[in-house]
PDB file of N, CA and C in Angstrom:
ATOM      1  N   MET A   1     142.701 228.832 130.627  1.00  0.00           N
ATOM      2  CA  MET A   1     141.705 229.895 130.628  1.00  0.00           C
ATOM      3  C   MET A   1     142.400 231.191 131.025  1.00  0.00           C
ATOM      4  N   THR A   2     142.168 232.206 130.232  1.00  0.00           N
ATOM      5  CA  THR A   2     142.873 233.466 130.468  1.00  0.00           C
ATOM      6  C   THR A   2     141.978 234.551 131.036  1.00  0.00           C
ATOM      7  N   GLY A   3     140.670 234.341 131.075  1.00  0.00           N
ATOM      8  CA  GLY A   3     139.750 235.344 131.587  1.00  0.00           C
ATOM      9  C   GLY A   3     139.760 235.395 133.104  1.00  0.00           C
ATOM     10  N   THR A   4     139.202 236.474 133.631  1.00  0.00           N
ATOM     11  CA  THR A   4     139.108 236.654 135.078  1.00  0.00           C
ATOM     12  C   THR A   4     137.640 236.674 135.504  1.00  0.00           C
ATOM     13  N   ILE A   5     137.426 236.552 136.789  1.00  0.00           N
ATOM     14  CA  ILE A   5     136.067 236.630 137.332  1.00  0.00           C
ATOM     15  C   ILE A   5     135.455 237.992 137.008  1.00  0.00           C
ATOM     16  N   ASP A   6     136.228 239.048 137.091  1.00  0.00           N
ATOM     17  CA  ASP A   6     135.711 240.385 136.777  1.00  0.00           C
ATOM     18  C   ASP A   6     135.250 240.477 135.324  1.00  0.00           C
ATOM     19  N   GLN A   7     136.022 239.899 134.415  1.00  0.00           N
ATOM     20  CA  GLN A   7     135.608 239.873 133.012  1.00  0.00           C
ATOM     21  C   GLN A   7     134.347 239.026 132.851  1.00  0.00           C
ATOM     22  N   PHE A   8     134.307 237.903 133.531  1.00  0.00           N
ATOM     23  CA  PHE A   8     133.164 237.010 133.464  1.00  0.00           C
ATOM     24  C   PHE A   8     131.888 237.717 133.916  1.00  0.00           C
ATOM     25  N   LYS A   9     131.979 238.494 134.974  1.00  0.00           N
ATOM     26  CA  LYS A   9     130.811 239.182 135.527  1.00  0.00           C
ATOM     27  C   LYS A   9     130.235 240.231 134.577  1.00  0.00           C
ATOM     28  N   LYS A  10     130.987 240.647 133.587  1.00  0.00           N
ATOM     29  CA  LYS A  10     130.528 241.650 132.629  1.00  0.00           C
ATOM     30  C   LYS A  10     129.821 241.038 131.418  1.00  0.00           C
ATOM     31  N   LEU A  11     129.866 239.719 131.293  1.00  0.00           N
ATOM     32  CA  LEU A  11     129.258 239.046 130.148  1.00  0.00           C
ATOM     33  C   LEU A  11     127.737 239.075 130.271  1.00  0.00           C
ATOM     34  N   VAL A  12     127.078 239.172 129.124  1.00  0.00           N
ATOM     35  CA  VAL A  12     125.618 239.275 129.108  1.00  0.00           C
ATOM     36  C   VAL A  12     124.998 238.232 128.177  1.00  0.00           C
ATOM     37  N   ASP A  13     125.439 238.206 126.938  1.00  0.00           N
ATOM     38  CA  ASP A  13     124.845 237.345 125.920  1.00  0.00           C
ATOM     39  C   ASP A  13     125.387 235.926 125.999  1.00  0.00           C
ATOM     40  N   ALA A  14     124.561 234.982 125.575  1.00  0.00           N
ATOM     41  CA  ALA A  14     124.970 233.573 125.568  1.00  0.00           C
ATOM     42  C   ALA A  14     126.257 233.387 124.775  1.00  0.00           C
ATOM     43  N   GLU A  15     126.317 234.027 123.598  1.00  0.00           N
ATOM     44  CA  GLU A  15     127.515 233.893 122.767  1.00  0.00           C
ATOM     45  C   GLU A  15     128.763 234.391 123.482  1.00  0.00           C
ATOM     46  N   GLU A  16     128.633 235.439 124.281  1.00  0.00           N
ATOM     47  CA  GLU A  16     129.781 235.961 125.030  1.00  0.00           C
ATOM     48  C   GLU A  16     130.312 234.930 126.020  1.00  0.00           C
ATOM     49  N   PHE A  17     129.405 234.198 126.660  1.00  0.00           N
ATOM     50  CA  PHE A  17     129.831 233.156 127.598  1.00  0.00           C
ATOM     51  C   PHE A  17     130.579 232.041 126.861  1.00  0.00           C
ATOM     52  N   PHE A  18     130.038 231.603 125.724  1.00  0.00           N
ATOM     53  CA  PHE A  18     130.709 230.556 124.949  1.00  0.00           C
ATOM     54  C   PHE A  18     132.077 231.031 124.466  1.00  0.00           C
ATOM     55  N   GLN A  19     132.168 232.272 124.019  1.00  0.00           N
ATOM     56  CA  GLN A  19     133.450 232.806 123.557  1.00  0.00           C
ATOM     57  C   GLN A  19     134.433 232.954 124.710  1.00  0.00           C
ATOM     58  N   PHE A  20     133.955 233.410 125.860  1.00  0.00           N
ATOM     59  CA  PHE A  20     134.809 233.573 127.029  1.00  0.00           C
ATOM     60  C   PHE A  20     135.476 232.248 127.399  1.00  0.00           C
ATOM     61  N   PHE A  21     134.683 231.159 127.360  1.00  0.00           N
ATOM     62  CA  PHE A  21     135.205 229.845 127.713  1.00  0.00           C
ATOM     63  C   PHE A  21     135.793 229.103 126.513  1.00  0.00           C
ATOM     64  N   ASN A  22     135.845 229.792 125.354  1.00  0.00           N
ATOM     65  CA  ASN A  22     136.410 229.207 124.147  1.00  0.00           C
ATOM     66  C   ASN A  22     135.720 227.883 123.801  1.00  0.00           C
ATOM     67  N   MET A  23     134.404 227.881 123.886  1.00  0.00           N
ATOM     68  CA  MET A  23     133.612 226.685 123.609  1.00  0.00           C
ATOM     69  C   MET A  23     132.951 226.802 122.238  1.00  0.00           C
ATOM     70  N   SER A  24     132.935 225.703 121.519  1.00  0.00           N
ATOM     71  CA  SER A  24     132.193 225.694 120.265  1.00  0.00           C
ATOM     72  C   SER A  24     130.722 225.426 120.574  1.00  0.00           C
ATOM     73  N   TYR A  25     129.849 225.911 119.700  1.00  0.00           N
ATOM     74  CA  TYR A  25     128.416 225.737 119.900  1.00  0.00           C
ATOM     75  C   TYR A  25     127.707 225.877 118.573  1.00  0.00           C
ATOM     76  N   ASP A  26     126.535 225.314 118.493  1.00  0.00           N
ATOM     77  CA  ASP A  26     125.690 225.416 117.310  1.00  0.00           C
ATOM     78  C   ASP A  26     124.822 226.656 117.488  1.00  0.00           C
ATOM     79  N   LEU A  27     125.001 227.637 116.615  1.00  0.00           N
ATOM     80  CA  LEU A  27     124.274 228.896 116.730  1.00  0.00           C
ATOM     81  C   LEU A  27     122.761 228.677 116.683  1.00  0.00           C
ATOM     82  N   GLU A  28     122.313 227.714 115.907  1.00  0.00           N
ATOM     83  CA  GLU A  28     120.872 227.436 115.825  1.00  0.00           C
ATOM     84  C   GLU A  28     120.329 226.954 117.178  1.00  0.00           C
ATOM     85  N   VAL A  29     121.078 226.096 117.856  1.00  0.00           N
ATOM     86  CA  VAL A  29     120.664 225.620 119.184  1.00  0.00           C
ATOM     87  C   VAL A  29     120.601 226.791 120.157  1.00  0.00           C
ATOM     88  N   VAL A  30     121.590 227.650 120.116  1.00  0.00           N
ATOM     89  CA  VAL A  30     121.623 228.813 121.013  1.00  0.00           C
ATOM     90  C   VAL A  30     120.494 229.779 120.686  1.00  0.00           C
ATOM     91  N   ASN A  31     120.259 230.035 119.408  1.00  0.00           N
ATOM     92  CA  ASN A  31     119.194 230.974 119.030  1.00  0.00           C
ATOM     93  C   ASN A  31     117.825 230.491 119.492  1.00  0.00           C
ATOM     94  N   VAL A  32     117.569 229.207 119.414  1.00  0.00           N
ATOM     95  CA  VAL A  32     116.271 228.662 119.796  1.00  0.00           C
ATOM     96  C   VAL A  32     116.126 228.550 121.312  1.00  0.00           C
ATOM     97  N   ASN A  33     117.233 228.300 122.009  1.00  0.00           N
ATOM     98  CA  ASN A  33     117.182 227.982 123.443  1.00  0.00           C
ATOM     99  C   ASN A  33     117.947 228.952 124.329  1.00  0.00           C
ATOM    100  N   ARG A  34     118.255 230.107 123.822  1.00  0.00           N
ATOM    101  CA  ARG A  34     119.123 231.080 124.510  1.00  0.00           C
ATOM    102  C   ARG A  34     118.755 231.301 125.980  1.00  0.00           C
ATOM    103  N   LEU A  35     117.537 231.705 126.242  1.00  0.00           N
ATOM    104  CA  LEU A  35     117.134 232.010 127.622  1.00  0.00           C
ATOM    105  C   LEU A  35     117.144 230.776 128.500  1.00  0.00           C
ATOM    106  N   HIS A  36     116.786 229.667 127.907  1.00  0.00           N
ATOM    107  CA  HIS A  36     116.749 228.418 128.678  1.00  0.00           C
ATOM    108  C   HIS A  36     118.160 227.961 129.046  1.00  0.00           C
ATOM    109  N   ILE A  37     119.091 228.073 128.104  1.00  0.00           N
ATOM    110  CA  ILE A  37     120.484 227.714 128.391  1.00  0.00           C
ATOM    111  C   ILE A  37     121.030 228.618 129.494  1.00  0.00           C
ATOM    112  N   LEU A  38     120.789 229.916 129.383  1.00  0.00           N
ATOM    113  CA  LEU A  38     121.293 230.845 130.394  1.00  0.00           C
ATOM    114  C   LEU A  38     120.650 230.604 131.754  1.00  0.00           C
ATOM    115  N   LYS A  39     119.361 230.266 131.778  1.00  0.00           N
ATOM    116  CA  LYS A  39     118.679 229.977 133.045  1.00  0.00           C
ATOM    117  C   LYS A  39     119.272 228.725 133.688  1.00  0.00           C
ATOM    118  N   LYS A  40     119.448 227.668 132.897  1.00  0.00           N
ATOM    119  CA  LYS A  40     120.023 226.425 133.421  1.00  0.00           C
ATOM    120  C   LYS A  40     121.461 226.665 133.889  1.00  0.00           C
ATOM    121  N   PHE A  41     122.212 227.416 133.116  1.00  0.00           N
ATOM    122  CA  PHE A  41     123.581 227.770 133.486  1.00  0.00           C
ATOM    123  C   PHE A  41     123.596 228.512 134.812  1.00  0.00           C
ATOM    124  N   SER A  42     122.676 229.434 134.973  1.00  0.00           N
ATOM    125  CA  SER A  42     122.559 230.193 136.223  1.00  0.00           C
ATOM    126  C   SER A  42     122.276 229.259 137.406  1.00  0.00           C
ATOM    127  N   GLN A  43     121.411 228.278 137.211  1.00  0.00           N
ATOM    128  CA  GLN A  43     121.110 227.317 138.283  1.00  0.00           C
ATOM    129  C   GLN A  43     122.352 226.514 138.646  1.00  0.00           C
ATOM    130  N   TYR A  44     123.086 226.066 137.636  1.00  0.00           N
ATOM    131  CA  TYR A  44     124.314 225.307 137.897  1.00  0.00           C
ATOM    132  C   TYR A  44     125.354 226.174 138.603  1.00  0.00           C
ATOM    133  N   MET A  45     125.467 227.432 138.185  1.00  0.00           N
ATOM    134  CA  MET A  45     126.409 228.349 138.840  1.00  0.00           C
ATOM    135  C   MET A  45     126.046 228.543 140.309  1.00  0.00           C
ATOM    136  N   GLN A  46     124.759 228.655 140.595  1.00  0.00           N
ATOM    137  CA  GLN A  46     124.304 228.833 141.975  1.00  0.00           C
ATOM    138  C   GLN A  46     124.702 227.626 142.821  1.00  0.00           C
ATOM    139  N   GLU A  47     124.553 226.422 142.271  1.00  0.00           N
ATOM    140  CA  GLU A  47     124.979 225.210 142.980  1.00  0.00           C
ATOM    141  C   GLU A  47     126.474 225.245 143.266  1.00  0.00           C
ATOM    142  N   ILE A  48     127.249 225.667 142.285  1.00  0.00           N
ATOM    143  CA  ILE A  48     128.705 225.768 142.458  1.00  0.00           C
ATOM    144  C   ILE A  48     129.019 226.772 143.561  1.00  0.00           C
ATOM    145  N   ASP A  49     128.389 227.937 143.507  1.00  0.00           N
ATOM    146  CA  ASP A  49     128.648 228.989 144.495  1.00  0.00           C
ATOM    147  C   ASP A  49     128.209 228.566 145.899  1.00  0.00           C
ATOM    148  N   ASP A  50     127.110 227.831 146.000  1.00  0.00           N
ATOM    149  CA  ASP A  50     126.602 227.395 147.300  1.00  0.00           C
ATOM    150  C   ASP A  50     127.454 226.312 147.939  1.00  0.00           C
ATOM    151  N   ASN A  51     128.143 225.530 147.114  1.00  0.00           N
ATOM    152  CA  ASN A  51     128.866 224.366 147.632  1.00  0.00           C
ATOM    153  C   ASN A  51     130.381 224.467 147.535  1.00  0.00           C
ATOM    154  N   SER A  52     130.896 225.596 147.117  1.00  0.00           N
ATOM    155  CA  SER A  52     132.339 225.696 146.871  1.00  0.00           C
ATOM    156  C   SER A  52     132.902 227.014 147.387  1.00  0.00           C
ATOM    157  N   PHE A  53     133.002 227.127 148.676  1.00  0.00           N
ATOM    158  CA  PHE A  53     133.466 228.378 149.288  1.00  0.00           C
ATOM    159  C   PHE A  53     134.963 228.590 149.147  1.00  0.00           C
ATOM    160  N   ASP A  54     135.731 227.506 149.092  1.00  0.00           N
ATOM    161  CA  ASP A  54     137.182 227.623 149.134  1.00  0.00           C
ATOM    162  C   ASP A  54     137.849 227.548 147.762  1.00  0.00           C
ATOM    163  N   MET A  55     137.101 227.725 146.679  1.00  0.00           N
ATOM    164  CA  MET A  55     137.681 227.681 145.333  1.00  0.00           C
ATOM    165  C   MET A  55     138.390 228.984 145.009  1.00  0.00           C
ATOM    166  N   ASN A  56     139.525 228.852 144.336  1.00  0.00           N
ATOM    167  CA  ASN A  56     140.160 230.064 143.830  1.00  0.00           C
ATOM    168  C   ASN A  56     139.502 230.458 142.507  1.00  0.00           C
ATOM    169  N   GLN A  57     139.894 231.591 141.977  1.00  0.00           N
ATOM    170  CA  GLN A  57     139.273 232.143 140.771  1.00  0.00           C
ATOM    171  C   GLN A  57     139.342 231.169 139.593  1.00  0.00           C
ATOM    172  N   GLU A  58     140.486 230.567 139.382  1.00  0.00           N
ATOM    173  CA  GLU A  58     140.669 229.657 138.246  1.00  0.00           C
ATOM    174  C   GLU A  58     139.790 228.415 138.395  1.00  0.00           C
ATOM    175  N   GLU A  59     139.739 227.841 139.584  1.00  0.00           N
ATOM    176  CA  GLU A  59     138.893 226.661 139.818  1.00  0.00           C
ATOM    177  C   GLU A  59     137.416 226.994 139.596  1.00  0.00           C
ATOM    178  N   ARG A  60     137.006 228.151 140.094  1.00  0.00           N
ATOM    179  CA  ARG A  60     135.607 228.568 139.944  1.00  0.00           C
ATOM    180  C   ARG A  60     135.254 228.736 138.463  1.00  0.00           C
ATOM    181  N   LEU A  61     136.126 229.391 137.712  1.00  0.00           N
ATOM    182  CA  LEU A  61     135.872 229.575 136.287  1.00  0.00           C
ATOM    183  C   LEU A  61     135.859 228.244 135.546  1.00  0.00           C
ATOM    184  N   ASN A  62     136.710 227.321 135.940  1.00  0.00           N
ATOM    185  CA  ASN A  62     136.692 225.979 135.332  1.00  0.00           C
ATOM    186  C   ASN A  62     135.368 225.281 135.608  1.00  0.00           C
ATOM    187  N   GLN A  63     134.873 225.413 136.827  1.00  0.00           N
ATOM    188  CA  GLN A  63     133.584 224.818 137.175  1.00  0.00           C
ATOM    189  C   GLN A  63     132.451 225.488 136.404  1.00  0.00           C
ATOM    190  N   TYR A  64     132.519 226.801 136.239  1.00  0.00           N
ATOM    191  CA  TYR A  64     131.519 227.525 135.454  1.00  0.00           C
ATOM    192  C   TYR A  64     131.546 227.064 133.992  1.00  0.00           C
ATOM    193  N   SER A  65     132.728 226.841 133.469  1.00  0.00           N
ATOM    194  CA  SER A  65     132.860 226.363 132.096  1.00  0.00           C
ATOM    195  C   SER A  65     132.172 225.011 131.929  1.00  0.00           C
ATOM    196  N   LEU A  66     132.396 224.128 132.865  1.00  0.00           N
ATOM    197  CA  LEU A  66     131.734 222.812 132.829  1.00  0.00           C
ATOM    198  C   LEU A  66     130.222 222.962 132.959  1.00  0.00           C
ATOM    199  N   ALA A  67     129.794 223.908 133.773  1.00  0.00           N
ATOM    200  CA  ALA A  67     128.365 224.153 133.966  1.00  0.00           C
ATOM    201  C   ALA A  67     127.723 224.660 132.679  1.00  0.00           C
ATOM    202  N   LEU A  68     128.415 225.527 131.958  1.00  0.00           N
ATOM    203  CA  LEU A  68     127.878 226.024 130.689  1.00  0.00           C
ATOM    204  C   LEU A  68     127.791 224.893 129.673  1.00  0.00           C
ATOM    205  N   GLN A  69     128.807 224.061 129.617  1.00  0.00           N
ATOM    206  CA  GLN A  69     128.776 222.909 128.710  1.00  0.00           C
ATOM    207  C   GLN A  69     127.590 222.005 129.041  1.00  0.00           C
ATOM    208  N   LYS A  70     127.383 221.772 130.313  1.00  0.00           N
ATOM    209  CA  LYS A  70     126.286 220.921 130.772  1.00  0.00           C
ATOM    210  C   LYS A  70     124.929 221.547 130.428  1.00  0.00           C
ATOM    211  N   ALA A  71     124.778 222.831 130.659  1.00  0.00           N
ATOM    212  CA  ALA A  71     123.518 223.529 130.362  1.00  0.00           C
ATOM    213  C   ALA A  71     123.232 223.497 128.863  1.00  0.00           C
ATOM    214  N   TYR A  72     124.243 223.729 128.074  1.00  0.00           N
ATOM    215  CA  TYR A  72     124.087 223.682 126.615  1.00  0.00           C
ATOM    216  C   TYR A  72     123.660 222.286 126.177  1.00  0.00           C
ATOM    217  N   GLN A  73     124.319 221.273 126.704  1.00  0.00           N
ATOM    218  CA  GLN A  73     124.043 219.895 126.317  1.00  0.00           C
ATOM    219  C   GLN A  73     122.615 219.483 126.672  1.00  0.00           C
ATOM    220  N   VAL A  74     122.088 220.009 127.776  1.00  0.00           N
ATOM    221  CA  VAL A  74     120.705 219.716 128.160  1.00  0.00           C
ATOM    222  C   VAL A  74     119.767 220.072 127.015  1.00  0.00           C
ATOM    223  N   PHE A  75     120.005 221.210 126.360  1.00  0.00           N
ATOM    224  CA  PHE A  75     119.096 221.670 125.316  1.00  0.00           C
ATOM    225  C   PHE A  75     119.468 221.175 123.920  1.00  0.00           C
ATOM    226  N   VAL A  76     120.598 220.505 123.813  1.00  0.00           N
ATOM    227  CA  VAL A  76     120.896 219.762 122.593  1.00  0.00           C
ATOM    228  C   VAL A  76     120.074 218.475 122.615  1.00  0.00           C
ATOM    229  N   GLU A  77     119.906 217.914 123.823  1.00  0.00           N
ATOM    230  CA  GLU A  77     119.238 216.620 123.974  1.00  0.00           C
ATOM    231  C   GLU A  77     117.782 216.718 124.415  1.00  0.00           C
ATOM    232  N   SER A  78     117.322 217.888 124.784  1.00  0.00           N
ATOM    233  CA  SER A  78     115.994 218.043 125.352  1.00  0.00           C
ATOM    234  C   SER A  78     115.354 219.326 124.810  1.00  0.00           C
ATOM    235  N   THR A  79     114.134 219.586 125.264  1.00  0.00           N
ATOM    236  CA  THR A  79     113.435 220.800 124.831  1.00  0.00           C
ATOM    237  C   THR A  79     113.112 221.663 126.045  1.00  0.00           C
ATOM    238  N   PRO A  80     112.859 222.942 125.820  1.00  0.00           N
ATOM    239  CA  PRO A  80     112.451 223.807 126.931  1.00  0.00           C
ATOM    240  C   PRO A  80     111.185 223.305 127.613  1.00  0.00           C
ATOM    241  N   HIS A  81     110.273 222.782 126.836  1.00  0.00           N
ATOM    242  CA  HIS A  81     109.017 222.281 127.413  1.00  0.00           C
ATOM    243  C   HIS A  81     109.274 221.102 128.354  1.00  0.00           C
ATOM    244  N   GLU A  82     110.201 220.237 127.999  1.00  0.00           N
ATOM    245  CA  GLU A  82     110.545 219.100 128.859  1.00  0.00           C
ATOM    246  C   GLU A  82     111.249 219.558 130.139  1.00  0.00           C
ATOM    247  N   GLN A  83     112.043 220.605 130.056  1.00  0.00           N
ATOM    248  CA  GLN A  83     112.811 221.074 131.211  1.00  0.00           C
ATOM    249  C   GLN A  83     111.979 221.926 132.163  1.00  0.00           C
ATOM    250  N   LYS A  84     111.006 222.662 131.639  1.00  0.00           N
ATOM    251  CA  LYS A  84     110.095 223.481 132.451  1.00  0.00           C
ATOM    252  C   LYS A  84     110.820 224.414 133.427  1.00  0.00           C
ATOM    253  N   LEU A  85     111.760 225.191 132.905  1.00  0.00           N
ATOM    254  CA  LEU A  85     112.536 226.103 133.744  1.00  0.00           C
ATOM    255  C   LEU A  85     111.776 227.372 134.107  1.00  0.00           C
ATOM    256  N   PHE A  86     110.849 227.760 133.253  1.00  0.00           N
ATOM    257  CA  PHE A  86     110.146 229.020 133.459  1.00  0.00           C
ATOM    258  C   PHE A  86     108.709 228.772 133.896  1.00  0.00           C
ATOM    259  N   LYS A  87     108.162 229.704 134.610  1.00  0.00           N
ATOM    260  CA  LYS A  87     106.818 229.613 135.180  1.00  0.00           C
ATOM    261  C   LYS A  87     105.758 229.291 134.132  1.00  0.00           C
ATOM    262  N   VAL A  88     105.877 229.845 132.963  1.00  0.00           N
ATOM    263  CA  VAL A  88     104.883 229.648 131.913  1.00  0.00           C
ATOM    264  C   VAL A  88     104.702 228.168 131.565  1.00  0.00           C
ATOM    265  N   PHE A  89     105.750 227.375 131.723  1.00  0.00           N
ATOM    266  CA  PHE A  89     105.648 225.948 131.424  1.00  0.00           C
ATOM    267  C   PHE A  89     105.016 225.155 132.561  1.00  0.00           C
ATOM    268  N   ASN A  90     104.913 225.753 133.723  1.00  0.00           N
ATOM    269  CA  ASN A  90     104.385 225.045 134.886  1.00  0.00           C
ATOM    270  C   ASN A  90     102.958 225.435 135.250  1.00  0.00           C
ATOM    271  N   ASP A  91     102.493 226.564 134.754  1.00  0.00           N
ATOM    272  CA  ASP A  91     101.143 227.025 135.066  1.00  0.00           C
ATOM    273  C   ASP A  91     100.116 226.298 134.213  1.00  0.00           C
ATOM    274  N   LYS A  92      99.069 225.846 134.857  1.00  0.00           N
ATOM    275  CA  LYS A  92      97.973 225.227 134.125  1.00  0.00           C
ATOM    276  C   LYS A  92      97.074 226.351 133.609  1.00  0.00           C
ATOM    277  N   PRO A  93      96.738 226.296 132.326  1.00  0.00           N
ATOM    278  CA  PRO A  93      95.870 227.356 131.786  1.00  0.00           C
ATOM    279  C   PRO A  93      94.509 227.364 132.484  1.00  0.00           C
ATOM    280  N   LYS A  94      93.969 228.552 132.667  1.00  0.00           N
ATOM    281  CA  LYS A  94      92.662 228.691 133.295  1.00  0.00           C
ATOM    282  C   LYS A  94      91.584 228.521 132.232  1.00  0.00           C
ATOM    283  N   ASN A  95      90.424 228.017 132.655  1.00  0.00           N
ATOM    284  CA  ASN A  95      89.272 227.851 131.771  1.00  0.00           C
ATOM    285  C   ASN A  95      89.563 226.941 130.580  1.00  0.00           C
ATOM    286  N   VAL A  96      90.390 225.923 130.801  1.00  0.00           N
ATOM    287  CA  VAL A  96      90.702 224.964 129.751  1.00  0.00           C
ATOM    288  C   VAL A  96      90.429 223.568 130.289  1.00  0.00           C
ATOM    289  N   VAL A  97      89.782 222.772 129.478  1.00  0.00           N
ATOM    290  CA  VAL A  97      89.538 221.374 129.824  1.00  0.00           C
ATOM    291  C   VAL A  97      90.401 220.540 128.887  1.00  0.00           C
ATOM    292  N   THR A  98      91.263 219.715 129.453  1.00  0.00           N
ATOM    293  CA  THR A  98      92.123 218.884 128.624  1.00  0.00           C
ATOM    294  C   THR A  98      91.386 217.614 128.226  1.00  0.00           C
ATOM    295  N   LEU A  99      91.837 216.984 127.178  1.00  0.00           N
ATOM    296  CA  LEU A  99      91.200 215.760 126.705  1.00  0.00           C
ATOM    297  C   LEU A  99      91.244 214.657 127.751  1.00  0.00           C
ATOM    298  N   THR A 100      92.264 214.637 128.565  1.00  0.00           N
ATOM    299  CA  THR A 100      92.379 213.593 129.595  1.00  0.00           C
ATOM    300  C   THR A 100      91.358 213.788 130.704  1.00  0.00           C
ATOM    301  N   GLU A 101      90.785 214.992 130.800  1.00  0.00           N
ATOM    302  CA  GLU A 101      89.775 215.272 131.836  1.00  0.00           C
ATOM    303  C   GLU A 101      88.359 214.936 131.369  1.00  0.00           C
ATOM    304  N   ILE A 102      88.203 214.642 130.083  1.00  0.00           N
ATOM    305  CA  ILE A 102      86.873 214.351 129.546  1.00  0.00           C
ATOM    306  C   ILE A 102      86.620 212.850 129.653  1.00  0.00           C
ATOM    307  N   THR A 103      85.488 212.514 130.206  1.00  0.00           N
ATOM    308  CA  THR A 103      85.097 211.104 130.310  1.00  0.00           C
ATOM    309  C   THR A 103      83.738 210.922 129.694  1.00  0.00           C
ATOM    310  N   SER A 104      83.449 209.716 129.284  1.00  0.00           N
ATOM    311  CA  SER A 104      82.112 209.446 128.742  1.00  0.00           C
ATOM    312  C   SER A 104      81.337 208.651 129.768  1.00  0.00           C
ATOM    313  N   ASP A 105      80.065 208.946 129.874  1.00  0.00           N
ATOM    314  CA  ASP A 105      79.204 208.248 130.838  1.00  0.00           C
ATOM    315  C   ASP A 105      78.277 207.293 130.149  1.00  0.00           C
TER     316      ASP A 105
END
């Protein structure tokens, strides 16, 4: 890996992260799940940062690379609705009765 932490911190788009880590990816998967992949990646990065105080720059970037691969793979095998990363997937709609709530007397 030839990139630095400073270069990494300037990345914004999902494709930039994949290119930075020289990872192949399916553009269709990224286009459909972009925000979800980045959110999951962010969660994995936070775990790395919280548990790895003594890592040097290269080790940290290697761990981030693995985290991006893992986040991407989650959405190759799953859906955003199944992962429920964002609030909208967890909020119950108001003034809605679901079929499971209807009973016959």
